[in-house]
Protein backbone atom coordinates (compact mmCIF):
# COMPACT_ATOMS: atom_id res chain seq x y z
CA UNK A 1 -9.34 129.36 -189.96
CA UNK A 2 -6.16 128.78 -187.62
CA UNK A 3 -3.72 131.20 -186.49
CA UNK A 4 -1.67 130.44 -189.63
CA UNK A 5 -4.40 131.89 -191.75
CA UNK A 6 -4.70 134.94 -189.31
CA UNK A 7 -0.83 135.15 -189.77
CA UNK A 8 -0.87 135.05 -193.68
CA UNK A 9 -3.78 137.41 -194.14
CA UNK A 10 -3.93 140.21 -191.50
CA UNK A 11 -0.53 140.58 -189.38
CA UNK A 12 1.49 139.37 -192.00
CA UNK A 13 0.73 141.88 -194.68
CA UNK A 14 0.51 144.49 -192.12
CA UNK A 15 -3.27 145.03 -191.38
CA UNK A 16 -3.23 144.34 -187.99
CA UNK A 17 -4.42 147.40 -186.20
CA UNK A 18 -3.01 146.15 -183.20
CA UNK A 19 -6.15 145.78 -180.52
CA UNK A 20 -4.70 142.75 -178.76
CA UNK A 21 -8.40 141.01 -179.08
CA UNK A 22 -6.60 138.02 -180.02
CA UNK A 23 -4.10 137.32 -177.73
CA UNK A 24 -6.81 138.29 -175.08
CA UNK A 25 -9.16 135.02 -175.54
CA UNK A 26 -6.28 132.62 -176.90
CA UNK A 27 -3.31 131.59 -173.99
CA UNK A 28 -1.30 130.85 -177.28
CA UNK A 29 -1.34 134.22 -178.60
CA UNK A 30 1.19 136.82 -177.17
CA UNK A 31 2.04 140.27 -178.16
CA UNK A 32 5.74 140.64 -178.99
CA UNK A 33 6.72 144.26 -179.68
CA UNK A 34 2.47 145.02 -180.02
CA UNK A 35 2.40 142.04 -182.82
CA UNK A 36 0.12 138.85 -181.70
CA UNK A 37 2.87 136.29 -182.16
CA UNK A 38 1.82 132.53 -181.39
CA UNK A 39 3.88 131.15 -178.66
CA UNK A 40 2.44 127.31 -178.63
CA UNK A 41 0.85 125.43 -180.61
CA UNK A 42 -2.28 126.38 -182.49
CA UNK A 43 -5.34 124.64 -181.17
CA UNK A 44 -6.53 123.52 -184.57
CA UNK A 45 -3.01 122.38 -185.30
CA UNK A 46 -3.40 120.08 -182.13
CA UNK A 47 -6.50 118.01 -184.09
CA UNK A 48 -9.41 120.41 -182.61
CA UNK A 49 -12.35 119.96 -184.64
CA UNK A 50 -13.57 123.80 -183.50
CA UNK A 51 -12.47 126.62 -182.32
CA UNK A 52 -10.99 129.91 -184.64
CA UNK A 53 -11.19 132.29 -182.38
CA UNK A 54 -8.82 134.49 -182.99
CA UNK A 55 -9.51 134.67 -186.53
CA UNK A 56 -13.27 135.34 -186.55
CA UNK A 57 -13.01 137.76 -184.07
CA UNK A 58 -10.76 139.70 -185.51
CA UNK A 59 -12.00 143.16 -186.94
CA UNK A 60 -9.83 142.79 -189.92
CA UNK A 61 -10.84 139.51 -191.53
CA UNK A 62 -14.38 140.47 -192.97
CA UNK A 63 -15.16 144.42 -193.30
CA UNK A 64 -18.26 145.24 -194.16
CA UNK A 65 -18.45 148.38 -196.50
CA UNK A 66 -21.68 150.32 -194.93
CA UNK A 67 -23.18 153.88 -196.20
CA UNK A 68 -23.54 157.29 -195.31
CA UNK A 69 -22.68 157.73 -191.09
CA UNK A 70 -24.54 154.12 -190.16
CA UNK A 71 -26.97 154.29 -187.78
CA UNK A 72 -27.90 157.56 -186.40
CA UNK A 73 -31.04 158.07 -184.07
CA UNK A 74 -29.57 161.48 -183.72
CA UNK A 75 -26.52 163.84 -184.27
CA UNK A 76 -25.80 166.09 -181.40
CA UNK A 77 -22.98 168.79 -180.43
CA UNK A 78 -22.53 168.72 -176.41
CA UNK A 79 -20.13 169.30 -174.08
CA UNK A 80 -18.98 168.85 -170.21
CA UNK A 81 -21.15 171.64 -167.86
CA UNK A 82 -18.03 171.28 -165.41
CA UNK A 83 -15.10 173.17 -165.58
CA UNK A 84 -12.52 170.57 -164.25
CA UNK A 85 -13.78 168.28 -167.49
CA UNK A 86 -13.57 171.16 -169.66
CA UNK A 87 -10.12 172.48 -169.08
CA UNK A 88 -8.18 169.04 -169.71
CA UNK A 89 -10.72 167.78 -172.23
CA UNK A 90 -9.71 167.86 -176.14
CA UNK A 91 -12.98 169.22 -177.52
CA UNK A 92 -16.07 169.27 -175.17
CA UNK A 93 -15.18 166.68 -172.71
CA UNK A 94 -18.85 165.03 -173.82
CA UNK A 95 -17.07 161.34 -173.24
CA UNK A 96 -15.36 161.96 -169.88
CA UNK A 97 -18.28 163.08 -168.99
CA UNK A 98 -20.57 160.36 -169.78
CA UNK A 99 -18.00 157.56 -168.33
CA UNK A 100 -18.03 160.04 -164.61
CA UNK A 101 -21.96 159.70 -165.02
CA UNK A 102 -21.83 156.12 -165.41
CA UNK A 103 -19.72 155.52 -162.72
CA UNK A 104 -21.48 158.09 -160.56
CA UNK A 105 -24.56 156.80 -161.54
CA UNK A 106 -23.72 152.84 -160.83
CA UNK A 107 -24.58 152.07 -164.20
CA UNK A 108 -20.58 150.50 -164.85
CA UNK A 109 -17.75 148.79 -162.81
CA UNK A 110 -15.55 149.49 -164.91
CA UNK A 111 -14.07 151.06 -168.05
CA UNK A 112 -11.67 150.54 -170.58
CA UNK A 113 -9.83 153.78 -171.93
CA UNK A 114 -6.42 154.70 -173.31
CA UNK A 115 -4.70 157.37 -171.47
CA UNK A 116 -0.81 159.10 -172.35
CA UNK A 117 1.97 157.90 -170.40
CA UNK A 118 5.08 159.47 -170.75
CA UNK A 119 6.40 160.82 -173.62
CA UNK A 120 2.66 160.43 -175.44
CA UNK A 121 2.84 157.35 -175.46
CA UNK A 122 -0.45 155.66 -175.31
CA UNK A 123 -1.60 152.65 -173.04
CA UNK A 124 -4.47 151.03 -172.40
CA UNK A 125 -5.93 150.66 -168.79
CA UNK A 126 -8.63 149.94 -167.19
CA UNK A 127 -10.32 152.52 -164.61
CA UNK A 128 -12.67 151.68 -161.66
CA UNK A 129 -13.96 154.67 -160.78
CA UNK A 130 -14.97 158.33 -161.65
CA UNK A 131 -12.00 160.20 -159.92
CA UNK A 132 -9.54 158.21 -163.05
CA UNK A 133 -11.64 159.21 -165.93
CA UNK A 134 -9.78 161.90 -166.79
CA UNK A 135 -6.51 159.99 -167.06
CA UNK A 136 -7.92 159.25 -170.54
CA UNK A 137 -8.90 162.80 -171.75
CA UNK A 138 -7.74 164.47 -175.09
CA UNK A 139 -6.87 162.41 -178.11
CA UNK A 140 -4.61 160.21 -178.92
CA UNK A 141 -3.42 159.01 -182.56
CA UNK A 142 -1.40 155.78 -181.59
CA UNK A 143 -2.81 152.55 -181.43
CA UNK A 144 -3.40 150.68 -177.77
CA UNK A 145 -4.02 147.31 -176.96
CA UNK A 146 -7.66 147.95 -175.64
CA UNK A 147 -9.22 144.80 -175.95
CA UNK A 148 -6.55 142.98 -174.71
CA UNK A 149 -8.14 144.12 -171.45
CA UNK A 150 -11.68 142.76 -171.91
CA UNK A 151 -10.85 139.43 -171.20
CA UNK A 152 -9.54 139.50 -167.81
CA UNK A 153 -12.74 141.72 -167.29
CA UNK A 154 -14.73 139.06 -168.55
CA UNK A 155 -12.45 136.33 -166.33
CA UNK A 156 -13.05 138.19 -162.80
CA UNK A 157 -16.84 138.46 -163.32
CA UNK A 158 -16.90 141.78 -164.11
CA UNK A 159 -20.46 142.13 -166.39
CA UNK A 160 -21.05 146.22 -166.46
CA UNK A 161 -18.55 148.16 -168.32
CA UNK A 162 -17.92 150.57 -171.16
CA UNK A 163 -15.48 150.76 -173.48
CA UNK A 164 -13.54 153.84 -175.31
CA UNK A 165 -12.15 153.04 -178.63
CA UNK A 166 -11.39 153.61 -182.52
CA UNK A 167 -14.39 152.19 -185.31
CA UNK A 168 -11.60 149.01 -185.53
CA UNK A 169 -11.52 148.49 -181.72
CA UNK A 170 -15.38 148.75 -181.66
CA UNK A 171 -15.77 146.25 -184.44
CA UNK A 172 -13.58 143.99 -183.08
CA UNK A 173 -15.52 143.88 -179.90
CA UNK A 174 -19.12 143.88 -181.27
CA UNK A 175 -17.64 140.78 -182.85
CA UNK A 176 -16.70 139.32 -179.40
CA UNK A 177 -19.76 140.37 -177.57
CA UNK A 178 -22.01 138.83 -179.98
CA UNK A 179 -19.86 135.01 -180.86
CA UNK A 180 -17.68 134.63 -176.86
CA UNK A 181 -19.92 136.84 -174.35
CA UNK A 182 -23.44 136.07 -175.16
CA UNK A 183 -25.90 137.37 -172.25
CA UNK A 184 -23.32 137.64 -170.08
CA UNK A 185 -21.78 141.16 -171.27
CA UNK A 186 -22.77 143.69 -173.24
CA UNK A 187 -20.42 147.03 -172.90
CA UNK A 188 -21.23 150.38 -173.30
CA UNK A 189 -19.54 151.27 -177.07
CA UNK A 190 -18.44 154.91 -177.37
CA UNK A 191 -16.40 155.00 -180.72
CA UNK A 192 -14.31 157.61 -181.85
CA UNK A 193 -14.17 159.22 -185.00
CA UNK A 194 -10.78 157.98 -186.97
CA UNK A 195 -9.77 159.00 -190.29
CA UNK A 196 -6.63 156.84 -189.41
CA UNK A 197 -3.64 156.20 -186.83
CA UNK A 198 -0.01 156.16 -186.34
CA UNK A 199 2.98 154.07 -185.58
CA UNK A 200 3.99 155.74 -182.44
CA UNK A 201 8.11 155.32 -183.20
CA UNK A 202 7.70 156.02 -186.95
CA UNK A 203 5.51 159.25 -185.80
CA UNK A 204 7.83 160.60 -183.72
CA UNK A 205 11.04 159.89 -185.75
CA UNK A 206 9.42 161.92 -188.87
CA UNK A 207 8.77 164.92 -185.96
CA UNK A 208 12.04 164.95 -184.30
CA UNK A 209 13.64 164.71 -188.20
CA UNK A 210 11.64 168.50 -188.14
CA UNK A 211 13.08 169.11 -184.85
CA UNK A 212 9.15 168.47 -182.99
CA UNK A 213 10.16 167.17 -179.64
CA UNK A 214 9.17 167.86 -176.06
CA UNK A 215 5.90 167.55 -176.84
CA UNK A 216 3.14 168.48 -174.53
CA UNK A 217 -0.44 167.30 -177.01
CA UNK A 218 -1.14 166.69 -180.24
CA UNK A 219 -4.62 167.71 -182.37
CA UNK A 220 -5.85 166.86 -185.79
CA UNK A 221 -8.06 169.73 -187.40
CA UNK A 222 -9.09 170.28 -191.31
CA UNK A 223 -5.82 168.25 -192.41
CA UNK A 224 -3.61 169.57 -190.13
CA UNK A 225 -1.86 168.11 -187.34
CA UNK A 226 -1.22 171.05 -184.71
CA UNK A 227 1.39 170.04 -182.06
CA UNK A 228 2.00 171.97 -179.01
CA UNK A 229 5.15 172.04 -177.28
CA UNK A 230 6.28 172.05 -173.54
CA UNK A 231 7.29 175.46 -174.17
CA UNK A 232 3.92 176.74 -175.38
CA UNK A 233 4.76 176.90 -178.92
CA UNK A 234 2.95 175.54 -181.91
CA UNK A 235 3.35 174.11 -184.91
CA UNK A 236 1.07 173.06 -187.61
CA UNK A 237 2.61 169.70 -190.12
CA UNK A 238 -0.03 168.67 -193.18
CA UNK A 239 -0.76 164.83 -192.18
CA UNK A 240 -0.01 163.71 -195.68
CA UNK A 241 3.39 164.60 -195.21
CA UNK A 242 3.08 161.88 -192.23
CA UNK A 243 1.71 159.40 -194.25
CA UNK A 244 4.62 156.66 -194.26
CA UNK A 245 3.83 156.64 -190.17
CA UNK A 246 0.28 155.33 -190.95
CA UNK A 247 -0.89 152.31 -189.79
CA UNK A 248 -1.10 149.60 -192.88
CA UNK A 249 -4.35 148.25 -191.73
CA UNK A 250 -6.08 152.27 -191.36
CA UNK A 251 -5.16 152.19 -195.38
CA UNK A 252 -8.02 149.85 -195.67
CA UNK A 253 -10.60 151.20 -192.85
CA UNK A 254 -13.16 152.59 -194.52
CA UNK A 255 -15.20 153.26 -191.19
CA UNK A 256 -14.66 156.80 -189.70
CA UNK A 257 -17.31 157.48 -187.35
CA UNK A 258 -17.51 153.74 -185.37
CA UNK A 259 -20.51 152.86 -186.51
CA UNK A 260 -20.88 149.65 -184.20
CA UNK A 261 -20.82 151.85 -181.00
CA UNK A 262 -23.87 153.09 -179.15
CA UNK A 263 -22.16 156.47 -179.24
CA UNK A 264 -19.92 158.47 -181.68
CA UNK A 265 -17.98 160.79 -180.61
CA UNK A 266 -15.68 163.45 -182.47
CA UNK A 267 -14.88 167.20 -183.02
CA UNK A 268 -16.00 167.23 -186.78
CA UNK A 269 -19.48 169.25 -187.11
CA UNK A 270 -19.22 170.79 -184.28
CA UNK A 271 -18.05 174.40 -183.32
CA UNK A 272 -14.36 175.10 -181.10
CA UNK A 273 -14.77 173.68 -177.58
CA UNK A 274 -17.74 170.97 -178.63
CA UNK A 275 -17.91 166.82 -179.20
CA UNK A 276 -20.17 165.68 -182.03
CA UNK A 277 -22.17 162.98 -180.63
CA UNK A 278 -23.90 160.28 -182.67
CA UNK A 279 -26.36 158.27 -181.10
CA UNK A 280 -27.39 155.28 -182.31
CA UNK A 281 -28.95 152.58 -180.18
CA UNK A 282 -31.89 153.26 -177.52
CA UNK A 283 -28.87 152.37 -174.57
CA UNK A 284 -27.14 155.18 -176.32
CA UNK A 285 -29.65 157.56 -176.27
CA UNK A 286 -30.64 157.03 -172.79
CA UNK A 287 -26.93 157.54 -171.78
CA UNK A 288 -27.23 160.77 -173.59
CA UNK A 289 -30.32 161.99 -172.39
CA UNK A 290 -30.06 160.84 -168.74
CA UNK A 291 -26.62 163.52 -169.23
CA UNK A 292 -28.81 166.16 -170.79
CA UNK A 293 -31.24 165.80 -167.88
CA UNK A 294 -28.46 165.53 -165.03
CA UNK A 295 -27.24 169.09 -166.34
CA UNK A 296 -23.98 167.45 -166.89
CA UNK A 297 -24.13 168.18 -170.64
CA UNK A 298 -25.26 171.15 -172.48
CA UNK A 299 -25.98 171.27 -176.46
CA UNK A 300 -25.23 173.15 -179.03
CA UNK A 301 -26.02 173.60 -183.45
CA UNK A 302 -23.65 170.44 -185.26
CA UNK A 303 -23.19 170.48 -188.83
CA UNK A 304 -24.04 166.42 -190.04
CA UNK A 305 -23.12 167.25 -193.41
CA UNK A 306 -19.94 167.91 -192.66
CA UNK A 307 -19.47 164.45 -190.73
CA UNK A 308 -21.34 162.21 -193.77
CA UNK A 309 -18.72 163.87 -196.10
CA UNK A 310 -15.55 163.07 -194.54
CA UNK A 311 -17.64 159.41 -193.80
CA UNK A 312 -17.40 159.40 -197.56
CA UNK A 313 -14.30 160.27 -198.16
CA UNK A 314 -12.48 157.56 -196.05
CA UNK A 315 -14.71 155.26 -198.04
CA UNK A 316 -13.22 156.46 -201.49
CA UNK A 317 -9.74 156.98 -200.05
CA UNK A 318 -9.29 153.76 -198.47
CA UNK A 319 -9.56 150.47 -200.14
CA UNK A 320 -11.06 147.39 -198.82
CA UNK A 321 -8.96 145.13 -196.92
CA UNK A 322 -7.66 142.02 -199.19
CA UNK A 323 -8.38 139.58 -195.97
CA UNK A 324 -11.58 137.30 -196.51
CA UNK A 325 -10.71 133.58 -197.16
CA UNK A 326 -11.45 132.59 -200.68
CA UNK A 327 -14.07 130.31 -198.95
CA UNK A 328 -16.20 132.59 -197.50
CA UNK A 329 -15.92 134.69 -200.57
CA UNK A 330 -17.51 132.30 -202.73
CA UNK A 331 -20.22 131.63 -199.94
CA UNK A 332 -21.02 135.60 -200.64
CA UNK A 333 -20.68 135.32 -204.22
CA UNK A 334 -23.18 132.29 -204.50
CA UNK A 335 -25.59 134.18 -202.28
CA UNK A 336 -25.10 137.26 -204.12
CA UNK A 337 -25.94 135.79 -207.43
CA UNK A 338 -29.20 134.05 -206.29
CA UNK A 339 -32.55 135.01 -204.94
CA UNK A 340 -31.67 133.69 -201.43
CA UNK A 341 -30.37 129.94 -200.71
CA UNK A 342 -30.35 127.47 -197.72
CA UNK A 343 -26.97 125.85 -196.55
CA UNK A 344 -27.29 122.48 -198.51
CA UNK A 345 -27.61 124.72 -201.05
CA UNK A 346 -24.75 126.18 -200.58
CA UNK A 347 -22.41 123.70 -199.98
CA UNK A 348 -23.82 122.23 -203.08
CA UNK A 349 -22.47 125.03 -205.27
CA UNK A 350 -19.62 125.91 -203.57
CA UNK A 351 -18.33 122.16 -202.94
CA UNK A 352 -17.73 122.86 -199.31
CA UNK A 353 -19.10 120.57 -196.92
CA UNK A 354 -22.76 121.74 -194.95
CA UNK A 355 -20.39 122.70 -191.31
CA UNK A 356 -17.92 124.84 -193.33
CA UNK A 357 -20.89 126.52 -195.24
CA UNK A 358 -22.51 127.02 -192.09
CA UNK A 359 -19.57 129.08 -190.26
CA UNK A 360 -18.88 131.30 -193.09
CA UNK A 361 -22.98 132.15 -193.10
CA UNK A 362 -22.57 132.51 -189.03
CA UNK A 363 -19.67 134.70 -189.53
CA UNK A 364 -21.30 136.90 -192.29
CA UNK A 365 -24.29 137.43 -190.17
CA UNK A 366 -22.14 138.54 -187.20
CA UNK A 367 -20.82 140.83 -189.64
CA UNK A 368 -24.47 141.98 -191.05
CA UNK A 369 -23.46 141.21 -194.17
CA UNK A 370 -26.38 138.28 -194.79
CA UNK A 371 -29.83 137.93 -193.17
CA UNK A 372 -32.31 134.77 -193.05
CA UNK A 373 -35.29 135.80 -194.90
CA UNK A 374 -37.53 132.89 -195.09
CA UNK A 375 -37.07 129.17 -195.00
CA UNK A 376 -36.81 126.74 -197.70
CA UNK A 377 -37.54 122.78 -196.72
CA UNK A 378 -37.06 123.61 -193.28
CA UNK A 379 -34.03 125.03 -194.02
CA UNK A 380 -33.31 128.79 -193.62
CA UNK A 381 -32.73 130.89 -196.75
CA UNK A 382 -29.80 133.65 -196.71
CA UNK A 383 -29.70 136.51 -198.62
CA UNK A 384 -27.01 139.63 -198.62
CA UNK A 385 -28.32 142.56 -196.64
CA UNK A 386 -29.31 145.30 -198.92
CA UNK A 387 -27.53 148.34 -198.80
CA UNK A 388 -30.21 151.13 -197.35
CA UNK A 389 -29.59 155.05 -196.45
CA UNK A 390 -28.93 155.69 -193.06
CA UNK A 391 -31.39 158.05 -191.04
CA UNK A 392 -29.70 161.30 -190.03
CA UNK A 393 -30.43 164.10 -187.98
CA UNK A 394 -29.38 167.58 -186.94
C-alpha cells in the first residue's frame, strides 16, 4: 500500500491522529502544519516491490474492536508518595513517579512525553533524566507528534526507552515495534485513558467565544471540562458543547484504556488524588511492584466497574474506522466464512496473489485479528481470533 492509499483512506477523510509515526520512518514524508505530506516521491511509485511502512504501521489503517478493558492482570488505584510530584500532578502522579523510578534505577535511558508549552499548546519531547519528568505532569487534551521522536532515538542507538501516549499512539507504537524494531527495541508503553482529543486551534477558538482566555490548566471529569484561569477562577463546560473541536480520528476510536500498553493510567475509577492503573503485562507488573516495594507509590481502593462502563460506552458511541483496504477485508471475510484457510486457499478464493494474501495476513496477525491454528499441506492454517472476555481484578 502506497502513501497515496494512506492519504486517501486516512488523511484526507480527517482520520489522522497526528502521531507522526509515518513521517518518522520515511524521509519522503514530512509533517506540514501537523499533517503528513509527501514531499518527495513514494518509494513504491519509483518501482520498489515492497515498503508500505507508512500504511502498515499507521494506527488508523486497521483497528480491531476489543472487549471490556482489554487484558488486565490487575486494576489498582495508586498515587506518588513524593510531595513535589503530587503538587503538580493532575491526579495521583503515578505515571510521573514510575518514570522517575525507571530513570533512577537505570531501567531506561530516555522517555518520550508530551508537555505543555506557552498557552497550553502541546509538544512531544524526549527527556533523559528523572529531573525532567515533571515537565510532562498533568493532563493534555490536544494531540502531539510523540511517535515522530521514536525513530530518532532508534537511529541514535538508544534502546531502553519508555513512551507515554494515548491509546492510538500506543497502538501505532505497538505496530512499529512488531514490524520494524524486532529485538532492537521493546519500549515500556504507558498508555493514558482517553475518550477523545481536540484540535488545539478549534478548541481555544470555542473557548475564546465564551470569553475564556488566559488558561492555567484544564481537566475533564464526569463529562465536564473544568478550566482553571490564571486568576484562579474555575469554569465548567459540558464536553458535548465542544464536539466540533474533536479530532476526526477520535470519532472512530474504540479504545478508551490503551489496551496495547504495559500499564494504562487514568483518573476514572479512583478517588480524587489517585490514579487508576491497569496492569496488562508482566513487564508492567514488575514496574508497579518495584515502585510499590520502594515506597514510591501507595494504593487505595478502585472501582473497575466504572472503567469498564466508559470503555463500553466509547465502543458504542464511536463507529469503527471505514479505512481497511478492500483487499484486506476480502481476506478477512474469507477467513470468517471458513473454518480456517491457508495462504494458497485464500489466494484462490480472493483472486489475489499469494504474496499479497501473505502481506495482508501478516498485517492482520500484527493487529491480533488472526492466528495460526495448525497446518494443512505444509501451510499454516489461519483463523480469526475469537472474542474473549478479558479478566478484571479489583
